Amino acid sequence: MSKKKNTLKDLDEFLKQQAASLVSPEPVSMSPAEVIPPTDYTSKTDSPDAVTTDKIFKDLRTLAQNDPESFRQKFYALIVQITEAQRPSLPEDKMLINTALYLKSGDQWKEAIREYWKKNS
């Protein structure tokens, strides 16, 4: 009669053996010249009416402060509208729309998502 192997025990022993043989890496130090600066989303234009992401962020922040009760609902609707306009449509866009509809619709999120895709397919 052969002895039944305990694969979980074997795996555990193997992982312990591998962990014991690992060497801690030396910390990496970066000189100030190597540090990657944060992304600047603003576009440099001369026109004060030019649309920039920085201006959009500031405007959205102002809207949120001026109308905190309804801002989230409007923001979720804006996310859906902007994402719909993106071409070509990507799977990530569909996920973002579903997420915004979920946040916007509360307990009725399943029905809202179902209706949206029925209407927009």
PDB file of N, CA and C in Angstrom:
ATOM      1  N   MET A   1       0.846  -1.171   0.000  1.00  0.00           N
ATOM      2  CA  MET A   1       0.000   0.000   0.000  1.00  0.00           C
ATOM      3  C   MET A   1       0.894   1.238   0.000  1.00  0.00           C
ATOM      4  N   SER A   2       0.615   2.157  -0.923  1.00  0.00           N
ATOM      5  CA  SER A   2       1.447   3.357  -1.014  1.00  0.00           C
ATOM      6  C   SER A   2       0.919   4.442  -0.080  1.00  0.00           C
ATOM      7  N   LYS A   3       1.856   5.213   0.365  1.00  0.00           N
ATOM      8  CA  LYS A   3       1.517   6.309   1.272  1.00  0.00           C
ATOM      9  C   LYS A   3       1.005   7.502   0.453  1.00  0.00           C
ATOM     10  N   LYS A   4      -0.108   8.095   0.883  1.00  0.00           N
ATOM     11  CA  LYS A   4      -0.685   9.246   0.186  1.00  0.00           C
ATOM     12  C   LYS A   4       0.166  10.478   0.476  1.00  0.00           C
ATOM     13  N   LYS A   5       0.501  11.229  -0.594  1.00  0.00           N
ATOM     14  CA  LYS A   5       1.322  12.430  -0.439  1.00  0.00           C
ATOM     15  C   LYS A   5       0.472  13.593   0.029  1.00  0.00           C
ATOM     16  N   ASN A   6       1.047  14.424   0.862  1.00  0.00           N
ATOM     17  CA  ASN A   6       0.411  15.655   1.301  1.00  0.00           C
ATOM     18  C   ASN A   6       1.063  16.794   0.523  1.00  0.00           C
ATOM     19  N   THR A   7       0.441  17.173  -0.589  1.00  0.00           N
ATOM     20  CA  THR A   7       1.051  18.169  -1.457  1.00  0.00           C
ATOM     21  C   THR A   7       1.135  19.541  -0.805  1.00  0.00           C
ATOM     22  N   LEU A   8       0.188  19.882   0.050  1.00  0.00           N
ATOM     23  CA  LEU A   8       0.257  21.175   0.735  1.00  0.00           C
ATOM     24  C   LEU A   8       1.448  21.234   1.686  1.00  0.00           C
ATOM     25  N   LYS A   9       1.702  20.122   2.354  1.00  0.00           N
ATOM     26  CA  LYS A   9       2.856  20.070   3.251  1.00  0.00           C
ATOM     27  C   LYS A   9       4.151  20.183   2.446  1.00  0.00           C
ATOM     28  N   ASP A  10       4.217  19.483   1.318  1.00  0.00           N
ATOM     29  CA  ASP A  10       5.399  19.559   0.457  1.00  0.00           C
ATOM     30  C   ASP A  10       5.607  20.971  -0.061  1.00  0.00           C
ATOM     31  N   LEU A  11       4.522  21.608  -0.473  1.00  0.00           N
ATOM     32  CA  LEU A  11       4.611  22.968  -0.972  1.00  0.00           C
ATOM     33  C   LEU A  11       5.079  23.916   0.125  1.00  0.00           C
ATOM     34  N   ASP A  12       4.546  23.756   1.322  1.00  0.00           N
ATOM     35  CA  ASP A  12       4.937  24.590   2.446  1.00  0.00           C
ATOM     36  C   ASP A  12       6.428  24.434   2.742  1.00  0.00           C
ATOM     37  N   GLU A  13       6.920  23.228   2.742  1.00  0.00           N
ATOM     38  CA  GLU A  13       8.354  22.990   2.993  1.00  0.00           C
ATOM     39  C   GLU A  13       9.210  23.608   1.887  1.00  0.00           C
ATOM     40  N   PHE A  14       8.760  23.466   0.634  1.00  0.00           N
ATOM     41  CA  PHE A  14       9.497  24.041  -0.491  1.00  0.00           C
ATOM     42  C   PHE A  14       9.569  25.562  -0.367  1.00  0.00           C
ATOM     43  N   LEU A  15       8.440  26.204  -0.043  1.00  0.00           N
ATOM     44  CA  LEU A  15       8.415  27.660   0.092  1.00  0.00           C
ATOM     45  C   LEU A  15       9.294  28.138   1.248  1.00  0.00           C
ATOM     46  N   LYS A  16       9.305  27.396   2.342  1.00  0.00           N
ATOM     47  CA  LYS A  16      10.173  27.761   3.468  1.00  0.00           C
ATOM     48  C   LYS A  16      11.642  27.652   3.067  1.00  0.00           C
ATOM     49  N   GLN A  17      11.966  26.613   2.317  1.00  0.00           N
ATOM     50  CA  GLN A  17      13.334  26.425   1.854  1.00  0.00           C
ATOM     51  C   GLN A  17      13.740  27.561   0.915  1.00  0.00           C
ATOM     52  N   GLN A  18      12.847  27.938   0.002  1.00  0.00           N
ATOM     53  CA  GLN A  18      13.136  29.025  -0.930  1.00  0.00           C
ATOM     54  C   GLN A  18      13.271  30.356  -0.194  1.00  0.00           C
ATOM     55  N   ALA A  19      12.424  30.590   0.785  1.00  0.00           N
ATOM     56  CA  ALA A  19      12.474  31.845   1.539  1.00  0.00           C
ATOM     57  C   ALA A  19      13.785  31.949   2.321  1.00  0.00           C
ATOM     58  N   ALA A  20      14.271  30.821   2.830  1.00  0.00           N
ATOM     59  CA  ALA A  20      15.516  30.838   3.586  1.00  0.00           C
ATOM     60  C   ALA A  20      16.710  31.137   2.691  1.00  0.00           C
ATOM     61  N   SER A  21      16.599  30.807   1.408  1.00  0.00           N
ATOM     62  CA  SER A  21      17.728  31.025   0.509  1.00  0.00           C
ATOM     63  C   SER A  21      17.717  32.407  -0.143  1.00  0.00           C
ATOM     64  N   LEU A  22      16.646  33.177   0.064  1.00  0.00           N
ATOM     65  CA  LEU A  22      16.576  34.508  -0.528  1.00  0.00           C
ATOM     66  C   LEU A  22      17.495  35.471   0.200  1.00  0.00           C
ATOM     67  N   VAL A  23      18.047  36.379  -0.546  1.00  0.00           N
ATOM     68  CA  VAL A  23      18.910  37.399   0.024  1.00  0.00           C
ATOM     69  C   VAL A  23      18.150  38.714  -0.023  1.00  0.00           C
ATOM     70  N   SER A  24      18.218  39.466   1.050  1.00  0.00           N
ATOM     71  CA  SER A  24      17.547  40.765   1.075  1.00  0.00           C
ATOM     72  C   SER A  24      18.225  41.701   0.093  1.00  0.00           C
ATOM     73  N   PRO A  25      17.448  42.381  -0.727  1.00  0.00           N
ATOM     74  CA  PRO A  25      18.048  43.313  -1.691  1.00  0.00           C
ATOM     75  C   PRO A  25      18.571  44.561  -0.989  1.00  0.00           C
ATOM     76  N   GLU A  26      19.602  45.147  -1.590  1.00  0.00           N
ATOM     77  CA  GLU A  26      20.125  46.388  -1.049  1.00  0.00           C
ATOM     78  C   GLU A  26      19.178  47.525  -1.425  1.00  0.00           C
ATOM     79  N   PRO A  27      18.967  48.481  -0.530  1.00  0.00           N
ATOM     80  CA  PRO A  27      18.072  49.588  -0.868  1.00  0.00           C
ATOM     81  C   PRO A  27      18.627  50.390  -2.045  1.00  0.00           C
ATOM     82  N   VAL A  28      17.732  50.839  -2.881  1.00  0.00           N
ATOM     83  CA  VAL A  28      18.104  51.631  -4.041  1.00  0.00           C
ATOM     84  C   VAL A  28      18.015  53.095  -3.666  1.00  0.00           C
ATOM     85  N   SER A  29      19.079  53.818  -3.946  1.00  0.00           N
ATOM     86  CA  SER A  29      19.028  55.257  -3.683  1.00  0.00           C
ATOM     87  C   SER A  29      19.070  55.984  -5.014  1.00  0.00           C
ATOM     88  N   MET A  30      18.274  57.021  -5.101  1.00  0.00           N
ATOM     89  CA  MET A  30      18.207  57.788  -6.336  1.00  0.00           C
ATOM     90  C   MET A  30      18.741  59.179  -6.075  1.00  0.00           C
ATOM     91  N   SER A  31      19.532  59.656  -7.001  1.00  0.00           N
ATOM     92  CA  SER A  31      20.007  61.024  -6.886  1.00  0.00           C
ATOM     93  C   SER A  31      18.853  61.950  -7.252  1.00  0.00           C
ATOM     94  N   PRO A  32      18.877  63.196  -6.824  1.00  0.00           N
ATOM     95  CA  PRO A  32      17.790  64.121  -7.156  1.00  0.00           C
ATOM     96  C   PRO A  32      17.542  64.241  -8.658  1.00  0.00           C
ATOM     97  N   ALA A  33      18.571  64.065  -9.477  1.00  0.00           N
ATOM     98  CA  ALA A  33      18.403  64.167 -10.923  1.00  0.00           C
ATOM     99  C   ALA A  33      17.614  62.982 -11.479  1.00  0.00           C
ATOM    100  N   GLU A  34      17.611  61.849 -10.759  1.00  0.00           N
ATOM    101  CA  GLU A  34      16.922  60.654 -11.233  1.00  0.00           C
ATOM    102  C   GLU A  34      15.457  60.579 -10.806  1.00  0.00           C
ATOM    103  N   VAL A  35      15.054  61.409  -9.868  1.00  0.00           N
ATOM    104  CA  VAL A  35      13.683  61.393  -9.374  1.00  0.00           C
ATOM    105  C   VAL A  35      12.752  61.865 -10.480  1.00  0.00           C
ATOM    106  N   ILE A  36      11.692  61.098 -10.704  1.00  0.00           N
ATOM    107  CA  ILE A  36      10.738  61.430 -11.759  1.00  0.00           C
ATOM    108  C   ILE A  36       9.756  62.458 -11.215  1.00  0.00           C
ATOM    109  N   PRO A  37       9.631  63.591 -11.894  1.00  0.00           N
ATOM    110  CA  PRO A  37       8.707  64.613 -11.397  1.00  0.00           C
ATOM    111  C   PRO A  37       7.261  64.171 -11.590  1.00  0.00           C
ATOM    112  N   PRO A  38       6.335  64.691 -10.763  1.00  0.00           N
ATOM    113  CA  PRO A  38       4.925  64.344 -10.943  1.00  0.00           C
ATOM    114  C   PRO A  38       4.426  64.823 -12.297  1.00  0.00           C
ATOM    115  N   THR A  39       3.415  64.126 -12.808  1.00  0.00           N
ATOM    116  CA  THR A  39       2.859  64.486 -14.102  1.00  0.00           C
ATOM    117  C   THR A  39       2.164  65.834 -14.021  1.00  0.00           C
ATOM    118  N   ASP A  40       2.438  66.677 -14.989  1.00  0.00           N
ATOM    119  CA  ASP A  40       1.785  67.972 -15.091  1.00  0.00           C
ATOM    120  C   ASP A  40       0.711  67.858 -16.158  1.00  0.00           C
ATOM    121  N   TYR A  41      -0.542  67.900 -15.747  1.00  0.00           N
ATOM    122  CA  TYR A  41      -1.648  67.713 -16.674  1.00  0.00           C
ATOM    123  C   TYR A  41      -2.051  69.005 -17.383  1.00  0.00           C
ATOM    124  N   THR A  42      -1.410  70.071 -17.032  1.00  0.00           N
ATOM    125  CA  THR A  42      -1.781  71.333 -17.655  1.00  0.00           C
ATOM    126  C   THR A  42      -1.130  71.437 -19.029  1.00  0.00           C
ATOM    127  N   SER A  43      -1.817  72.114 -19.923  1.00  0.00           N
ATOM    128  CA  SER A  43      -1.206  72.384 -21.220  1.00  0.00           C
ATOM    129  C   SER A  43      -0.868  73.861 -21.262  1.00  0.00           C
ATOM    130  N   LYS A  44       0.248  74.154 -21.816  1.00  0.00           N
ATOM    131  CA  LYS A  44       0.729  75.532 -21.848  1.00  0.00           C
ATOM    132  C   LYS A  44       0.162  76.233 -23.084  1.00  0.00           C
ATOM    133  N   THR A  45      -0.795  77.119 -22.862  1.00  0.00           N
ATOM    134  CA  THR A  45      -1.371  77.889 -23.960  1.00  0.00           C
ATOM    135  C   THR A  45      -1.431  79.351 -23.563  1.00  0.00           C
ATOM    136  N   ASP A  46      -1.520  80.194 -24.565  1.00  0.00           N
ATOM    137  CA  ASP A  46      -1.565  81.632 -24.308  1.00  0.00           C
ATOM    138  C   ASP A  46      -2.975  82.131 -24.019  1.00  0.00           C
ATOM    139  N   SER A  47      -3.984  81.442 -24.506  1.00  0.00           N
ATOM    140  CA  SER A  47      -5.361  81.898 -24.391  1.00  0.00           C
ATOM    141  C   SER A  47      -5.907  81.643 -22.984  1.00  0.00           C
ATOM    142  N   PRO A  48      -6.487  82.661 -22.347  1.00  0.00           N
ATOM    143  CA  PRO A  48      -7.072  82.455 -21.017  1.00  0.00           C
ATOM    144  C   PRO A  48      -8.333  81.580 -21.075  1.00  0.00           C
ATOM    145  N   ASP A  49      -8.942  81.449 -22.257  1.00  0.00           N
ATOM    146  CA  ASP A  49     -10.143  80.636 -22.403  1.00  0.00           C
ATOM    147  C   ASP A  49      -9.833  79.195 -22.798  1.00  0.00           C
ATOM    148  N   ALA A  50      -8.561  78.861 -22.945  1.00  0.00           N
ATOM    149  CA  ALA A  50      -8.180  77.516 -23.370  1.00  0.00           C
ATOM    150  C   ALA A  50      -8.599  76.491 -22.315  1.00  0.00           C
ATOM    151  N   VAL A  51      -9.016  75.345 -22.778  1.00  0.00           N
ATOM    152  CA  VAL A  51      -9.419  74.267 -21.882  1.00  0.00           C
ATOM    153  C   VAL A  51      -8.172  73.483 -21.492  1.00  0.00           C
ATOM    154  N   THR A  52      -7.941  73.375 -20.197  1.00  0.00           N
ATOM    155  CA  THR A  52      -6.832  72.584 -19.683  1.00  0.00           C
ATOM    156  C   THR A  52      -7.358  71.684 -18.578  1.00  0.00           C
ATOM    157  N   THR A  53      -6.661  70.598 -18.333  1.00  0.00           N
ATOM    158  CA  THR A  53      -7.097  69.709 -17.256  1.00  0.00           C
ATOM    159  C   THR A  53      -6.985  70.404 -15.901  1.00  0.00           C
ATOM    160  N   ASP A  54      -5.989  71.248 -15.752  1.00  0.00           N
ATOM    161  CA  ASP A  54      -5.846  71.987 -14.502  1.00  0.00           C
ATOM    162  C   ASP A  54      -7.065  72.872 -14.258  1.00  0.00           C
ATOM    163  N   LYS A  55      -7.520  73.555 -15.302  1.00  0.00           N
ATOM    164  CA  LYS A  55      -8.700  74.421 -15.191  1.00  0.00           C
ATOM    165  C   LYS A  55      -9.947  73.579 -14.904  1.00  0.00           C
ATOM    166  N   ILE A  56     -10.063  72.430 -15.553  1.00  0.00           N
ATOM    167  CA  ILE A  56     -11.212  71.542 -15.320  1.00  0.00           C
ATOM    168  C   ILE A  56     -11.221  71.061 -13.876  1.00  0.00           C
ATOM    169  N   PHE A  57     -10.046  70.650 -13.348  1.00  0.00           N
ATOM    170  CA  PHE A  57      -9.964  70.217 -11.948  1.00  0.00           C
ATOM    171  C   PHE A  57     -10.412  71.321 -11.003  1.00  0.00           C
ATOM    172  N   LYS A  58      -9.925  72.531 -11.248  1.00  0.00           N
ATOM    173  CA  LYS A  58     -10.301  73.661 -10.388  1.00  0.00           C
ATOM    174  C   LYS A  58     -11.800  73.947 -10.486  1.00  0.00           C
ATOM    175  N   ASP A  59     -12.348  73.910 -11.710  1.00  0.00           N
ATOM    176  CA  ASP A  59     -13.782  74.156 -11.896  1.00  0.00           C
ATOM    177  C   ASP A  59     -14.624  73.083 -11.208  1.00  0.00           C
ATOM    178  N   LEU A  60     -14.207  71.831 -11.323  1.00  0.00           N
ATOM    179  CA  LEU A  60     -14.951  70.754 -10.652  1.00  0.00           C
ATOM    180  C   LEU A  60     -14.898  70.908  -9.136  1.00  0.00           C
ATOM    181  N   ARG A  61     -13.756  71.287  -8.622  1.00  0.00           N
ATOM    182  CA  ARG A  61     -13.626  71.511  -7.176  1.00  0.00           C
ATOM    183  C   ARG A  61     -14.554  72.641  -6.735  1.00  0.00           C
ATOM    184  N   THR A  62     -14.615  73.707  -7.529  1.00  0.00           N
ATOM    185  CA  THR A  62     -15.498  74.837  -7.213  1.00  0.00           C
ATOM    186  C   THR A  62     -16.959  74.400  -7.248  1.00  0.00           C
ATOM    187  N   LEU A  63     -17.338  73.641  -8.282  1.00  0.00           N
ATOM    188  CA  LEU A  63     -18.714  73.133  -8.361  1.00  0.00           C
ATOM    189  C   LEU A  63     -19.055  72.266  -7.154  1.00  0.00           C
ATOM    190  N   ALA A  64     -18.136  71.429  -6.744  1.00  0.00           N
ATOM    191  CA  ALA A  64     -18.373  70.557  -5.580  1.00  0.00           C
ATOM    192  C   ALA A  64     -18.579  71.370  -4.311  1.00  0.00           C
ATOM    193  N   GLN A  65     -17.826  72.440  -4.171  1.00  0.00           N
ATOM    194  CA  GLN A  65     -17.961  73.284  -2.981  1.00  0.00           C
ATOM    195  C   GLN A  65     -19.248  74.098  -3.009  1.00  0.00           C
ATOM    196  N   ASN A  66     -19.650  74.544  -4.202  1.00  0.00           N
ATOM    197  CA  ASN A  66     -20.842  75.390  -4.321  1.00  0.00           C
ATOM    198  C   ASN A  66     -22.150  74.601  -4.258  1.00  0.00           C
ATOM    199  N   ASP A  67     -22.128  73.339  -4.647  1.00  0.00           N
ATOM    200  CA  ASP A  67     -23.356  72.544  -4.688  1.00  0.00           C
ATOM    201  C   ASP A  67     -23.073  71.116  -4.201  1.00  0.00           C
ATOM    202  N   PRO A  68     -22.699  70.973  -2.927  1.00  0.00           N
ATOM    203  CA  PRO A  68     -22.289  69.651  -2.438  1.00  0.00           C
ATOM    204  C   PRO A  68     -23.401  68.598  -2.442  1.00  0.00           C
ATOM    205  N   GLU A  69     -24.667  69.021  -2.339  1.00  0.00           N
ATOM    206  CA  GLU A  69     -25.762  68.054  -2.271  1.00  0.00           C
ATOM    207  C   GLU A  69     -25.961  67.306  -3.591  1.00  0.00           C
ATOM    208  N   SER A  70     -25.869  68.007  -4.693  1.00  0.00           N
ATOM    209  CA  SER A  70     -26.148  67.350  -5.976  1.00  0.00           C
ATOM    210  C   SER A  70     -24.903  67.147  -6.837  1.00  0.00           C
ATOM    211  N   PHE A  71     -23.736  67.561  -6.339  1.00  0.00           N
ATOM    212  CA  PHE A  71     -22.534  67.459  -7.163  1.00  0.00           C
ATOM    213  C   PHE A  71     -22.222  66.032  -7.579  1.00  0.00           C
ATOM    214  N   ARG A  72     -22.295  65.091  -6.645  1.00  0.00           N
ATOM    215  CA  ARG A  72     -21.917  63.708  -6.987  1.00  0.00           C
ATOM    216  C   ARG A  72     -22.771  63.155  -8.117  1.00  0.00           C
ATOM    217  N   GLN A  73     -24.077  63.371  -8.046  1.00  0.00           N
ATOM    218  CA  GLN A  73     -24.950  62.869  -9.106  1.00  0.00           C
ATOM    219  C   GLN A  73     -24.591  63.484 -10.457  1.00  0.00           C
ATOM    220  N   LYS A  74     -24.322  64.777 -10.454  1.00  0.00           N
ATOM    221  CA  LYS A  74     -23.936  65.452 -11.686  1.00  0.00           C
ATOM    222  C   LYS A  74     -22.579  64.959 -12.182  1.00  0.00           C
ATOM    223  N   PHE A  75     -21.665  64.728 -11.254  1.00  0.00           N
ATOM    224  CA  PHE A  75     -20.328  64.250 -11.612  1.00  0.00           C
ATOM    225  C   PHE A  75     -20.398  62.849 -12.234  1.00  0.00           C
ATOM    226  N   TYR A  76     -21.200  61.956 -11.648  1.00  0.00           N
ATOM    227  CA  TYR A  76     -21.349  60.611 -12.209  1.00  0.00           C
ATOM    228  C   TYR A  76     -21.959  60.674 -13.612  1.00  0.00           C
ATOM    229  N   ALA A  77     -22.950  61.551 -13.797  1.00  0.00           N
ATOM    230  CA  ALA A  77     -23.554  61.716 -15.120  1.00  0.00           C
ATOM    231  C   ALA A  77     -22.527  62.259 -16.110  1.00  0.00           C
ATOM    232  N   LEU A  78     -21.682  63.169 -15.655  1.00  0.00           N
ATOM    233  CA  LEU A  78     -20.626  63.712 -16.503  1.00  0.00           C
ATOM    234  C   LEU A  78     -19.636  62.622 -16.921  1.00  0.00           C
ATOM    235  N   ILE A  79     -19.278  61.770 -15.992  1.00  0.00           N
ATOM    236  CA  ILE A  79     -18.373  60.660 -16.303  1.00  0.00           C
ATOM    237  C   ILE A  79     -18.971  59.786 -17.400  1.00  0.00           C
ATOM    238  N   VAL A  80     -20.250  59.464 -17.279  1.00  0.00           N
ATOM    239  CA  VAL A  80     -20.917  58.632 -18.291  1.00  0.00           C
ATOM    240  C   VAL A  80     -20.910  59.336 -19.641  1.00  0.00           C
ATOM    241  N   GLN A  81     -21.279  60.613 -19.667  1.00  0.00           N
ATOM    242  CA  GLN A  81     -21.357  61.350 -20.930  1.00  0.00           C
ATOM    243  C   GLN A  81     -19.995  61.470 -21.608  1.00  0.00           C
ATOM    244  N   ILE A  82     -18.970  61.789 -20.846  1.00  0.00           N
ATOM    245  CA  ILE A  82     -17.624  61.938 -21.416  1.00  0.00           C
ATOM    246  C   ILE A  82     -17.103  60.601 -21.907  1.00  0.00           C
ATOM    247  N   THR A  83     -17.339  59.553 -21.150  1.00  0.00           N
ATOM    248  CA  THR A  83     -16.849  58.223 -21.531  1.00  0.00           C
ATOM    249  C   THR A  83     -17.566  57.715 -22.768  1.00  0.00           C
ATOM    250  N   GLU A  84     -18.858  58.013 -22.894  1.00  0.00           N
ATOM    251  CA  GLU A  84     -19.608  57.629 -24.098  1.00  0.00           C
ATOM    252  C   GLU A  84     -19.000  58.244 -25.358  1.00  0.00           C
ATOM    253  N   ALA A  85     -18.473  59.449 -25.223  1.00  0.00           N
ATOM    254  CA  ALA A  85     -17.962  60.188 -26.376  1.00  0.00           C
ATOM    255  C   ALA A  85     -16.589  59.697 -26.841  1.00  0.00           C
ATOM    256  N   GLN A  86     -15.929  58.876 -26.048  1.00  0.00           N
ATOM    257  CA  GLN A  86     -14.598  58.393 -26.415  1.00  0.00           C
ATOM    258  C   GLN A  86     -14.702  57.355 -27.529  1.00  0.00           C
ATOM    259  N   ARG A  87     -13.879  57.525 -28.536  1.00  0.00           N
ATOM    260  CA  ARG A  87     -13.818  56.569 -29.641  1.00  0.00           C
ATOM    261  C   ARG A  87     -12.383  56.202 -29.897  1.00  0.00           C
ATOM    262  N   PRO A  88     -12.091  54.962 -30.076  1.00  0.00           N
ATOM    263  CA  PRO A  88     -12.985  53.824 -30.005  1.00  0.00           C
ATOM    264  C   PRO A  88     -13.311  53.496 -28.543  1.00  0.00           C
ATOM    265  N   SER A  89     -14.433  52.835 -28.356  1.00  0.00           N
ATOM    266  CA  SER A  89     -14.851  52.440 -27.018  1.00  0.00           C
ATOM    267  C   SER A  89     -14.021  51.226 -26.577  1.00  0.00           C
ATOM    268  N   LEU A  90     -13.478  51.303 -25.380  1.00  0.00           N
ATOM    269  CA  LEU A  90     -12.656  50.225 -24.832  1.00  0.00           C
ATOM    270  C   LEU A  90     -13.400  49.504 -23.718  1.00  0.00           C
ATOM    271  N   PRO A  91     -12.986  48.286 -23.383  1.00  0.00           N
ATOM    272  CA  PRO A  91     -13.613  47.595 -22.242  1.00  0.00           C
ATOM    273  C   PRO A  91     -13.518  48.409 -20.952  1.00  0.00           C
ATOM    274  N   GLU A  92     -12.425  49.132 -20.781  1.00  0.00           N
ATOM    275  CA  GLU A  92     -12.267  49.968 -19.590  1.00  0.00           C
ATOM    276  C   GLU A  92     -13.325  51.071 -19.539  1.00  0.00           C
ATOM    277  N   ASP A  93     -13.727  51.560 -20.712  1.00  0.00           N
ATOM    278  CA  ASP A  93     -14.776  52.578 -20.770  1.00  0.00           C
ATOM    279  C   ASP A  93     -16.098  52.008 -20.264  1.00  0.00           C
ATOM    280  N   LYS A  94     -16.408  50.792 -20.680  1.00  0.00           N
ATOM    281  CA  LYS A  94     -17.644  50.143 -20.233  1.00  0.00           C
ATOM    282  C   LYS A  94     -17.629  49.942 -18.718  1.00  0.00           C
ATOM    283  N   MET A  95     -16.472  49.562 -18.196  1.00  0.00           N
ATOM    284  CA  MET A  95     -16.342  49.367 -16.747  1.00  0.00           C
ATOM    285  C   MET A  95     -16.523  50.693 -16.008  1.00  0.00           C
ATOM    286  N   LEU A  96     -15.972  51.758 -16.544  1.00  0.00           N
ATOM    287  CA  LEU A  96     -16.119  53.076 -15.922  1.00  0.00           C
ATOM    288  C   LEU A  96     -17.574  53.533 -15.942  1.00  0.00           C
ATOM    289  N   ILE A  97     -18.254  53.320 -17.062  1.00  0.00           N
ATOM    290  CA  ILE A  97     -19.678  53.663 -17.157  1.00  0.00           C
ATOM    291  C   ILE A  97     -20.478  52.849 -16.140  1.00  0.00           C
ATOM    292  N   ASN A  98     -20.216  51.547 -16.069  1.00  0.00           N
ATOM    293  CA  ASN A  98     -20.925  50.704 -15.096  1.00  0.00           C
ATOM    294  C   ASN A  98     -20.678  51.178 -13.671  1.00  0.00           C
ATOM    295  N   THR A  99     -19.450  51.552 -13.377  1.00  0.00           N
ATOM    296  CA  THR A  99     -19.116  52.026 -12.031  1.00  0.00           C
ATOM    297  C   THR A  99     -19.844  53.324 -11.711  1.00  0.00           C
ATOM    298  N   ALA A 100     -19.848  54.257 -12.662  1.00  0.00           N
ATOM    299  CA  ALA A 100     -20.554  55.527 -12.439  1.00  0.00           C
ATOM    300  C   ALA A 100     -22.053  55.293 -12.265  1.00  0.00           C
ATOM    301  N   LEU A 101     -22.623  54.403 -13.071  1.00  0.00           N
ATOM    302  CA  LEU A 101     -24.056  54.090 -12.932  1.00  0.00           C
ATOM    303  C   LEU A 101     -24.340  53.441 -11.586  1.00  0.00           C
ATOM    304  N   TYR A 102     -23.448  52.579 -11.139  1.00  0.00           N
ATOM    305  CA  TYR A 102     -23.586  51.935  -9.827  1.00  0.00           C
ATOM    306  C   TYR A 102     -23.595  52.990  -8.726  1.00  0.00           C
ATOM    307  N   LEU A 103     -22.639  53.906  -8.777  1.00  0.00           N
ATOM    308  CA  LEU A 103     -22.548  54.946  -7.748  1.00  0.00           C
ATOM    309  C   LEU A 103     -23.738  55.893  -7.797  1.00  0.00           C
ATOM    310  N   LYS A 104     -24.207  56.173  -8.987  1.00  0.00           N
ATOM    311  CA  LYS A 104     -25.307  57.123  -9.170  1.00  0.00           C
ATOM    312  C   LYS A 104     -26.654  56.541  -8.768  1.00  0.00           C
ATOM    313  N   SER A 105     -26.834  55.231  -8.920  1.00  0.00           N
ATOM    314  CA  SER A 105     -28.163  54.635  -8.811  1.00  0.00           C
ATOM    315  C   SER A 105     -28.500  54.014  -7.467  1.00  0.00           C
ATOM    316  N   GLY A 106     -27.572  53.941  -6.559  1.00  0.00           N
ATOM    317  CA  GLY A 106     -27.873  53.378  -5.245  1.00  0.00           C
ATOM    318  C   GLY A 106     -28.356  51.941  -5.319  1.00  0.00           C
ATOM    319  N   ASP A 107     -29.471  51.655  -4.635  1.00  0.00           N
ATOM    320  CA  ASP A 107     -29.992  50.288  -4.569  1.00  0.00           C
ATOM    321  C   ASP A 107     -30.522  49.772  -5.900  1.00  0.00           C
ATOM    322  N   GLN A 108     -30.841  50.661  -6.812  1.00  0.00           N
ATOM    323  CA  GLN A 108     -31.382  50.252  -8.115  1.00  0.00           C
ATOM    324  C   GLN A 108     -30.287  50.149  -9.180  1.00  0.00           C
ATOM    325  N   TRP A 109     -29.049  49.917  -8.779  1.00  0.00           N
ATOM    326  CA  TRP A 109     -27.935  49.928  -9.713  1.00  0.00           C
ATOM    327  C   TRP A 109     -28.045  48.856 -10.791  1.00  0.00           C
ATOM    328  N   LYS A 110     -28.526  47.664 -10.435  1.00  0.00           N
ATOM    329  CA  LYS A 110     -28.634  46.592 -11.442  1.00  0.00           C
ATOM    330  C   LYS A 110     -29.585  46.994 -12.562  1.00  0.00           C
ATOM    331  N   GLU A 111     -30.732  47.521 -12.174  1.00  0.00           N
ATOM    332  CA  GLU A 111     -31.721  47.938 -13.170  1.00  0.00           C
ATOM    333  C   GLU A 111     -31.203  49.110 -14.004  1.00  0.00           C
ATOM    334  N   ALA A 112     -30.509  50.052 -13.357  1.00  0.00           N
ATOM    335  CA  ALA A 112     -29.979  51.217 -14.076  1.00  0.00           C
ATOM    336  C   ALA A 112     -28.954  50.785 -15.125  1.00  0.00           C
ATOM    337  N   ILE A 113     -28.072  49.874 -14.770  1.00  0.00           N
ATOM    338  CA  ILE A 113     -27.058  49.388 -15.709  1.00  0.00           C
ATOM    339  C   ILE A 113     -27.715  48.610 -16.835  1.00  0.00           C
ATOM    340  N   ARG A 114     -28.674  47.773 -16.488  1.00  0.00           N
ATOM    341  CA  ARG A 114     -29.407  46.978 -17.509  1.00  0.00           C
ATOM    342  C   ARG A 114     -30.112  47.903 -18.498  1.00  0.00           C
ATOM    343  N   GLU A 115     -30.818  48.907 -17.992  1.00  0.00           N
ATOM    344  CA  GLU A 115     -31.532  49.846 -18.846  1.00  0.00           C
ATOM    345  C   GLU A 115     -30.583  50.666 -19.715  1.00  0.00           C
ATOM    346  N   TYR A 116     -29.489  51.103 -19.124  1.00  0.00           N
ATOM    347  CA  TYR A 116     -28.515  51.902 -19.876  1.00  0.00           C
ATOM    348  C   TYR A 116     -28.014  51.115 -21.088  1.00  0.00           C
ATOM    349  N   TRP A 117     -27.593  49.868 -20.877  1.00  0.00           N
ATOM    350  CA  TRP A 117     -27.009  49.092 -21.972  1.00  0.00           C
ATOM    351  C   TRP A 117     -28.064  48.636 -22.974  1.00  0.00           C
ATOM    352  N   LYS A 118     -29.308  48.471 -22.494  1.00  0.00           N
ATOM    353  CA  LYS A 118     -30.404  48.162 -23.418  1.00  0.00           C
ATOM    354  C   LYS A 118     -30.614  49.330 -24.378  1.00  0.00           C
ATOM    355  N   LYS A 119     -30.568  50.541 -23.827  1.00  0.00           N
ATOM    356  CA  LYS A 119     -30.790  51.758 -24.584  1.00  0.00           C
ATOM    357  C   LYS A 119     -29.597  52.129 -25.472  1.00  0.00           C
ATOM    358  N   ASN A 120     -28.386  51.808 -25.028  1.00  0.00           N
ATOM    359  CA  ASN A 120     -27.173  52.267 -25.708  1.00  0.00           C
ATOM    360  C   ASN A 120     -26.386  51.176 -26.418  1.00  0.00           C
ATOM    361  N   SER A 121     -27.006  50.063 -26.695  1.00  0.00           N
ATOM    362  CA  SER A 121     -26.270  48.994 -27.397  1.00  0.00           C
ATOM    363  C   SER A 121     -26.516  49.022 -28.868  1.00  0.00           C
TER     364      SER A 121
END
